[in-house]
PDB file of N, CA and C in Angstrom:
ATOM      1  N   UNK A   1      -2.694  -3.197   9.028  1.00  0.00           N
ATOM      2  CA  UNK A   1      -2.490  -4.559   8.236  1.00  0.00           C
ATOM      3  C   UNK A   1      -1.899  -5.240   9.751  1.00  0.00           C
ATOM      4  N   UNK A   2      -1.418  -6.587   8.899  1.00  0.00           N
ATOM      5  CA  UNK A   2      -0.652  -7.779  10.264  1.00  0.00           C
ATOM      6  C   UNK A   2       0.579  -7.859   9.999  1.00  0.00           C
ATOM      7  N   UNK A   3       1.819  -8.635  11.241  1.00  0.00           N
ATOM      8  CA  UNK A   3       2.761  -8.232  11.471  1.00  0.00           C
ATOM      9  C   UNK A   3       3.617  -7.655  10.144  1.00  0.00           C
ATOM     10  N   UNK A   4       3.069  -9.182   8.888  1.00  0.00           N
ATOM     11  CA  UNK A   4       4.262  -9.319   7.904  1.00  0.00           C
ATOM     12  C   UNK A   4       4.390  -7.290   7.095  1.00  0.00           C
ATOM     13  N   UNK A   5       3.375  -6.818   7.685  1.00  0.00           N
ATOM     14  CA  UNK A   5       3.924  -5.581   6.902  1.00  0.00           C
ATOM     15  C   UNK A   5       5.327  -4.858   7.390  1.00  0.00           C
ATOM     16  N   UNK A   6       5.055  -5.159   8.566  1.00  0.00           N
ATOM     17  CA  UNK A   6       5.467  -4.113   9.128  1.00  0.00           C
ATOM     18  C   UNK A   6       7.231  -4.751  10.072  1.00  0.00           C
ATOM     19  N   UNK A   7       7.113  -6.047   9.178  1.00  0.00           N
ATOM     20  CA  UNK A   7       8.493  -6.475   9.462  1.00  0.00           C
ATOM     21  C   UNK A   7       9.396  -6.287   7.908  1.00  0.00           C
ATOM     22  N   UNK A   8       8.743  -6.862   7.204  1.00  0.00           N
ATOM     23  CA  UNK A   8      10.143  -7.116   6.350  1.00  0.00           C
ATOM     24  C   UNK A   8       8.970  -6.575   5.326  1.00  0.00           C
ATOM     25  N   UNK A   9       9.447  -6.334   3.598  1.00  0.00           N
ATOM     26  CA  UNK A   9       8.972  -5.700   2.570  1.00  0.00           C
ATOM     27  C   UNK A   9       8.175  -6.706   1.372  1.00  0.00           C
ATOM     28  N   UNK A  10       7.011  -6.429   1.646  1.00  0.00           N
ATOM     29  CA  UNK A  10       6.261  -7.251   0.930  1.00  0.00           C
ATOM     30  C   UNK A  10       6.552  -6.798  -1.227  1.00  0.00           C
ATOM     31  N   UNK A  11       6.833  -8.971  -1.836  1.00  0.00           N
ATOM     32  CA  UNK A  11       6.445  -8.658  -2.776  1.00  0.00           C
ATOM     33  C   UNK A  11       5.271  -8.259  -3.747  1.00  0.00           C
ATOM     34  N   UNK A  12       4.933  -8.834  -4.828  1.00  0.00           N
ATOM     35  CA  UNK A  12       3.721  -8.308  -5.433  1.00  0.00           C
ATOM     36  C   UNK A  12       2.681  -9.644  -5.276  1.00  0.00           C
ATOM     37  N   UNK A  13       3.023 -10.998  -4.998  1.00  0.00           N
ATOM     38  CA  UNK A  13       2.643 -11.614  -4.718  1.00  0.00           C
ATOM     39  C   UNK A  13       2.201 -11.350  -3.130  1.00  0.00           C
ATOM     40  N   UNK A  14       2.876 -11.089  -2.277  1.00  0.00           N
ATOM     41  CA  UNK A  14       2.647 -10.940  -1.305  1.00  0.00           C
ATOM     42  C   UNK A  14       1.468  -9.779  -0.732  1.00  0.00           C
ATOM     43  N   UNK A  15       1.447  -8.729  -1.615  1.00  0.00           N
ATOM     44  CA  UNK A  15       0.765  -7.387  -1.246  1.00  0.00           C
ATOM     45  C   UNK A  15      -0.794  -7.713  -2.532  1.00  0.00           C
ATOM     46  N   UNK A  16      -0.454  -8.973  -3.417  1.00  0.00           N
ATOM     47  CA  UNK A  16      -1.453  -9.636  -3.409  1.00  0.00           C
ATOM     48  C   UNK A  16      -3.034 -10.239  -2.875  1.00  0.00           C
ATOM     49  N   UNK A  17      -2.197 -10.875  -1.800  1.00  0.00           N
ATOM     50  CA  UNK A  17      -1.941 -11.633  -1.047  1.00  0.00           C
ATOM     51  C   UNK A  17      -2.987 -11.042  -0.051  1.00  0.00           C
ATOM     52  N   UNK A  18      -2.218 -10.545   0.736  1.00  0.00           N
ATOM     53  CA  UNK A  18      -2.885  -9.315   1.901  1.00  0.00           C
ATOM     54  C   UNK A  18      -3.434  -8.704   1.305  1.00  0.00           C
ATOM     55  N   UNK A  19      -3.743  -8.072   0.049  1.00  0.00           N
ATOM     56  CA  UNK A  19      -5.259  -7.253  -0.037  1.00  0.00           C
ATOM     57  C   UNK A  19      -6.404  -8.554  -1.031  1.00  0.00           C
ATOM     58  N   UNK A  20      -6.628  -9.305  -0.665  1.00  0.00           N
ATOM     59  CA  UNK A  20      -6.967  -9.831  -1.222  1.00  0.00           C
ATOM     60  C   UNK A  20      -7.865 -10.892   0.235  1.00  0.00           C
ATOM     61  N   UNK A  21      -6.719 -11.390   1.072  1.00  0.00           N
ATOM     62  CA  UNK A  21      -7.320 -11.731   2.795  1.00  0.00           C
ATOM     63  C   UNK A  21      -8.302 -10.252   3.281  1.00  0.00           C
ATOM     64  N   UNK A  22      -7.980  -8.773   2.709  1.00  0.00           N
ATOM     65  CA  UNK A  22      -8.386  -8.050   3.524  1.00  0.00           C
ATOM     66  C   UNK A  22      -9.508  -7.487   2.906  1.00  0.00           C
ATOM     67  N   UNK A  23      -9.618  -8.653   1.454  1.00  0.00           N
ATOM     68  CA  UNK A  23     -11.431  -7.983   0.867  1.00  0.00           C
ATOM     69  C   UNK A  23     -11.133  -7.210   0.182  1.00  0.00           C
ATOM     70  N   UNK A  24     -10.000  -6.900  -0.295  1.00  0.00           N
ATOM     71  CA  UNK A  24      -9.787  -5.354  -1.484  1.00  0.00           C
ATOM     72  C   UNK A  24      -9.760  -5.970  -2.635  1.00  0.00           C
ATOM     73  N   UNK A  25      -9.258  -4.876  -3.820  1.00  0.00           N
ATOM     74  CA  UNK A  25      -9.236  -5.255  -4.872  1.00  0.00           C
ATOM     75  C   UNK A  25      -7.640  -5.611  -5.040  1.00  0.00           C
ATOM     76  N   UNK A  26      -7.371  -5.879  -6.192  1.00  0.00           N
ATOM     77  CA  UNK A  26      -5.918  -6.262  -6.290  1.00  0.00           C
ATOM     78  C   UNK A  26      -5.766  -5.445  -7.721  1.00  0.00           C
ATOM     79  N   UNK A  27      -5.554  -4.345  -7.521  1.00  0.00           N
ATOM     80  CA  UNK A  27      -5.628  -3.289  -8.694  1.00  0.00           C
ATOM     81  C   UNK A  27      -3.249  -3.275  -8.830  1.00  0.00           C
ATOM     82  N   UNK A  28      -3.265  -3.053  -9.446  1.00  0.00           N
ATOM     83  CA  UNK A  28      -2.016  -1.905 -10.002  1.00  0.00           C
ATOM     84  C   UNK A  28      -1.772  -0.981  -8.782  1.00  0.00           C
ATOM     85  N   UNK A  29      -2.130  -0.130  -8.519  1.00  0.00           N
ATOM     86  CA  UNK A  29      -1.833   0.575  -7.926  1.00  0.00           C
ATOM     87  C   UNK A  29      -1.945   0.882  -6.216  1.00  0.00           C
ATOM     88  N   UNK A  30      -2.818  -0.519  -5.805  1.00  0.00           N
ATOM     89  CA  UNK A  30      -2.865  -0.665  -4.547  1.00  0.00           C
ATOM     90  C   UNK A  30      -2.027  -1.155  -4.173  1.00  0.00           C
ATOM     91  N   UNK A  31      -1.397  -2.405  -5.405  1.00  0.00           N
ATOM     92  CA  UNK A  31      -0.177  -3.213  -5.091  1.00  0.00           C
ATOM     93  C   UNK A  31       0.815  -2.466  -4.910  1.00  0.00           C
ATOM     94  N   UNK A  32       0.950  -1.672  -5.823  1.00  0.00           N
ATOM     95  CA  UNK A  32       2.508  -0.835  -5.612  1.00  0.00           C
ATOM     96  C   UNK A  32       2.170  -0.026  -4.307  1.00  0.00           C
ATOM     97  N   UNK A  33       1.409   0.747  -4.085  1.00  0.00           N
ATOM     98  CA  UNK A  33       1.364   1.176  -3.057  1.00  0.00           C
ATOM     99  C   UNK A  33       1.234   0.372  -1.659  1.00  0.00           C
ATOM    100  N   UNK A  34       1.275  -0.793  -1.684  1.00  0.00           N
ATOM    101  CA  UNK A  34       1.585  -1.558  -0.499  1.00  0.00           C
ATOM    102  C   UNK A  34       2.741  -1.395  -0.653  1.00  0.00           C
ATOM    103  N   UNK A  35       3.368  -1.404  -1.494  1.00  0.00           N
ATOM    104  CA  UNK A  35       4.781  -2.295  -1.403  1.00  0.00           C
ATOM    105  C   UNK A  35       5.441  -1.265  -1.302  1.00  0.00           C
ATOM    106  N   UNK A  36       4.951   0.165  -1.611  1.00  0.00           N
ATOM    107  CA  UNK A  36       5.740   1.375  -0.775  1.00  0.00           C
ATOM    108  C   UNK A  36       6.102   1.289   0.875  1.00  0.00           C
ATOM    109  N   UNK A  37       4.852   0.683   1.127  1.00  0.00           N
ATOM    110  CA  UNK A  37       4.086   1.594   2.239  1.00  0.00           C
ATOM    111  C   UNK A  37       4.981  -0.084   3.451  1.00  0.00           C
ATOM    112  N   UNK A  38       5.458  -1.096   2.900  1.00  0.00           N
ATOM    113  CA  UNK A  38       6.338  -2.492   3.103  1.00  0.00           C
ATOM    114  C   UNK A  38       7.693  -1.591   3.357  1.00  0.00           C
ATOM    115  N   UNK A  39       8.377  -0.848   2.397  1.00  0.00           N
ATOM    116  CA  UNK A  39       9.357  -1.119   1.928  1.00  0.00           C
ATOM    117  C   UNK A  39       9.602   0.501   3.540  1.00  0.00           C
ATOM    118  N   UNK A  40       8.424   0.909   3.836  1.00  0.00           N
ATOM    119  CA  UNK A  40       9.440   2.431   4.267  1.00  0.00           C
ATOM    120  C   UNK A  40       9.886   1.952   5.709  1.00  0.00           C
ATOM    121  N   UNK A  41      10.704   2.345   6.294  1.00  0.00           N
ATOM    122  CA  UNK A  41      10.963   2.602   7.774  1.00  0.00           C
ATOM    123  C   UNK A  41      10.530   3.773   8.655  1.00  0.00           C
ATOM    124  N   UNK A  42       9.553   4.627   8.103  1.00  0.00           N
ATOM    125  CA  UNK A  42       9.157   5.397   9.139  1.00  0.00           C
ATOM    126  C   UNK A  42       7.428   5.697   7.833  1.00  0.00           C
ATOM    127  N   UNK A  43       6.439   6.253   8.753  1.00  0.00           N
ATOM    128  CA  UNK A  43       5.408   6.728   8.698  1.00  0.00           C
ATOM    129  C   UNK A  43       5.532   7.649   7.266  1.00  0.00           C
ATOM    130  N   UNK A  44       4.955   6.685   6.025  1.00  0.00           N
ATOM    131  CA  UNK A  44       4.476   8.288   5.299  1.00  0.00           C
ATOM    132  C   UNK A  44       3.387   9.376   4.835  1.00  0.00           C
ATOM    133  N   UNK A  45       3.344   9.979   3.748  1.00  0.00           N
ATOM    134  CA  UNK A  45       1.962  10.807   4.219  1.00  0.00           C
ATOM    135  C   UNK A  45       1.288  10.621   2.564  1.00  0.00           C
ATOM    136  N   UNK A  46       0.237  10.438   2.338  1.00  0.00           N
ATOM    137  CA  UNK A  46      -0.326  10.879   0.980  1.00  0.00           C
ATOM    138  C   UNK A  46       0.971  11.183   0.040  1.00  0.00           C
ATOM    139  N   UNK A  47       1.154  12.847   0.340  1.00  0.00           N
ATOM    140  CA  UNK A  47       2.060  13.045  -0.079  1.00  0.00           C
ATOM    141  C   UNK A  47       4.022  12.279  -0.789  1.00  0.00           C
ATOM    142  N   UNK A  48       4.156  12.186   0.017  1.00  0.00           N
ATOM    143  CA  UNK A  48       5.407  10.851   0.221  1.00  0.00           C
ATOM    144  C   UNK A  48       4.722   9.885  -0.985  1.00  0.00           C
ATOM    145  N   UNK A  49       4.064   9.327  -0.113  1.00  0.00           N
ATOM    146  CA  UNK A  49       4.086   7.752  -1.385  1.00  0.00           C
ATOM    147  C   UNK A  49       3.475   8.729  -2.462  1.00  0.00           C
ATOM    148  N   UNK A  50       2.830   9.184  -3.060  1.00  0.00           N
ATOM    149  CA  UNK A  50       2.783   9.567  -4.323  1.00  0.00           C
ATOM    150  C   UNK A  50       4.149  10.548  -5.032  1.00  0.00           C
ATOM    151  N   UNK A  51       4.941  10.498  -4.303  1.00  0.00           N
ATOM    152  CA  UNK A  51       6.712  11.144  -4.923  1.00  0.00           C
ATOM    153  C   UNK A  51       7.095   9.609  -5.142  1.00  0.00           C
ATOM    154  N   UNK A  52       6.522   8.721  -4.654  1.00  0.00           N
ATOM    155  CA  UNK A  52       8.041   7.278  -3.755  1.00  0.00           C
ATOM    156  C   UNK A  52       7.161   6.348  -5.764  1.00  0.00           C
ATOM    157  N   UNK A  53       5.871   6.493  -5.686  1.00  0.00           N
ATOM    158  CA  UNK A  53       5.525   5.880  -7.139  1.00  0.00           C
ATOM    159  C   UNK A  53       6.009   7.115  -8.678  1.00  0.00           C
ATOM    160  N   UNK A  54       6.263   7.794  -8.528  1.00  0.00           N
ATOM    161  CA  UNK A  54       6.871   8.876  -9.907  1.00  0.00           C
ATOM    162  C   UNK A  54       5.672   9.045 -10.119  1.00  0.00           C
ATOM    163  N   UNK A  55       4.540   9.212  -9.455  1.00  0.00           N
ATOM    164  CA  UNK A  55       2.870   9.997 -10.876  1.00  0.00           C
ATOM    165  C   UNK A  55       2.777   8.643 -11.333  1.00  0.00           C
ATOM    166  N   UNK A  56       2.548   7.271 -10.618  1.00  0.00           N
ATOM    167  CA  UNK A  56       2.219   6.440 -11.434  1.00  0.00           C
ATOM    168  C   UNK A  56       0.873   6.181 -11.351  1.00  0.00           C
ATOM    169  N   UNK A  57       0.464   6.836 -10.187  1.00  0.00           N
ATOM    170  CA  UNK A  57      -1.383   6.698  -9.789  1.00  0.00           C
ATOM    171  C   UNK A  57      -1.531   8.890  -9.168  1.00  0.00           C
ATOM    172  N   UNK A  58      -2.943   8.637  -9.347  1.00  0.00           N
ATOM    173  CA  UNK A  58      -2.818  10.110  -8.671  1.00  0.00           C
ATOM    174  C   UNK A  58      -2.745  10.002  -7.366  1.00  0.00           C
ATOM    175  N   UNK A  59      -2.755  11.304  -6.990  1.00  0.00           N
ATOM    176  CA  UNK A  59      -2.738  10.849  -5.608  1.00  0.00           C
ATOM    177  C   UNK A  59      -4.604  11.017  -4.764  1.00  0.00           C
ATOM    178  N   UNK A  60      -5.445  11.129  -5.600  1.00  0.00           N
ATOM    179  CA  UNK A  60      -6.823  10.797  -4.768  1.00  0.00           C
ATOM    180  C   UNK A  60      -6.457   9.471  -4.729  1.00  0.00           C
ATOM    181  N   UNK A  61      -6.302   8.763  -5.789  1.00  0.00           N
ATOM    182  CA  UNK A  61      -5.718   6.731  -5.931  1.00  0.00           C
ATOM    183  C   UNK A  61      -5.171   6.845  -4.159  1.00  0.00           C
ATOM    184  N   UNK A  62      -3.998   7.896  -3.924  1.00  0.00           N
ATOM    185  CA  UNK A  62      -3.119   7.369  -2.763  1.00  0.00           C
ATOM    186  C   UNK A  62      -3.739   7.497  -1.490  1.00  0.00           C
ATOM    187  N   UNK A  63      -4.253   8.558  -1.442  1.00  0.00           N
ATOM    188  CA  UNK A  63      -5.511   8.801  -0.554  1.00  0.00           C
ATOM    189  C   UNK A  63      -6.511   7.592  -0.290  1.00  0.00           C
ATOM    190  N   UNK A  64      -7.286   7.233  -1.360  1.00  0.00           N
ATOM    191  CA  UNK A  64      -8.163   6.469  -1.380  1.00  0.00           C
ATOM    192  C   UNK A  64      -8.165   4.483  -0.537  1.00  0.00           C
ATOM    193  N   UNK A  65      -6.840   4.634  -1.211  1.00  0.00           N
ATOM    194  CA  UNK A  65      -6.414   3.236  -0.874  1.00  0.00           C
ATOM    195  C   UNK A  65      -6.224   3.322   0.403  1.00  0.00           C
ATOM    196  N   UNK A  66      -5.177   4.439   0.682  1.00  0.00           N
ATOM    197  CA  UNK A  66      -4.562   4.295   2.660  1.00  0.00           C
ATOM    198  C   UNK A  66      -5.681   3.976   3.332  1.00  0.00           C
ATOM    199  N   UNK A  67      -6.874   5.131   2.544  1.00  0.00           N
ATOM    200  CA  UNK A  67      -8.135   5.296   3.812  1.00  0.00           C
ATOM    201  C   UNK A  67      -8.483   3.680   3.922  1.00  0.00           C
ATOM    202  N   UNK A  68      -8.586   2.754   2.518  1.00  0.00           N
ATOM    203  CA  UNK A  68      -9.325   2.046   3.066  1.00  0.00           C
ATOM    204  C   UNK A  68      -8.188   0.869   2.913  1.00  0.00           C
ATOM    205  N   UNK A  69      -7.168   0.525   3.490  1.00  0.00           N
ATOM    206  CA  UNK A  69      -6.433   0.241   3.886  1.00  0.00           C
ATOM    207  C   UNK A  69      -6.481   0.366   5.342  1.00  0.00           C
ATOM    208  N   UNK A  70      -6.194   1.309   5.815  1.00  0.00           N
ATOM    209  CA  UNK A  70      -6.581   1.526   7.747  1.00  0.00           C
ATOM    210  C   UNK A  70      -8.041   1.236   7.631  1.00  0.00           C
ATOM    211  N   UNK A  71      -9.302   1.184   6.899  1.00  0.00           N
ATOM    212  CA  UNK A  71      -9.979   1.355   7.318  1.00  0.00           C
ATOM    213  C   UNK A  71     -10.466  -1.018   7.594  1.00  0.00           C
ATOM    214  N   UNK A  72      -9.243  -1.678   7.257  1.00  0.00           N
ATOM    215  CA  UNK A  72      -9.596  -2.617   7.189  1.00  0.00           C
ATOM    216  C   UNK A  72      -8.783  -3.234   8.508  1.00  0.00           C
ATOM    217  N   UNK A  73      -8.010  -2.003   8.506  1.00  0.00           N
ATOM    218  CA  UNK A  73      -6.373  -3.178   9.754  1.00  0.00           C
ATOM    219  C   UNK A  73      -7.308  -3.155  10.084  1.00  0.00           C
TER     220      UNK A  73
END
């Protein structure tokens, strides 16, 4: 992503904007995942992200989203 993600947590509007810039759909799950990643001070595993989301989306959604974000970096 860009430096904004690494330096300050994203709010929902910023997450949507970033997803749009990267050509990704702005789904609720992707927005939540991106916000969690931006708020973390350390790298997170797929399982850790899934746990933080309190299972609001399944682990395969988290995996697919992280994979898409890595490809669009």
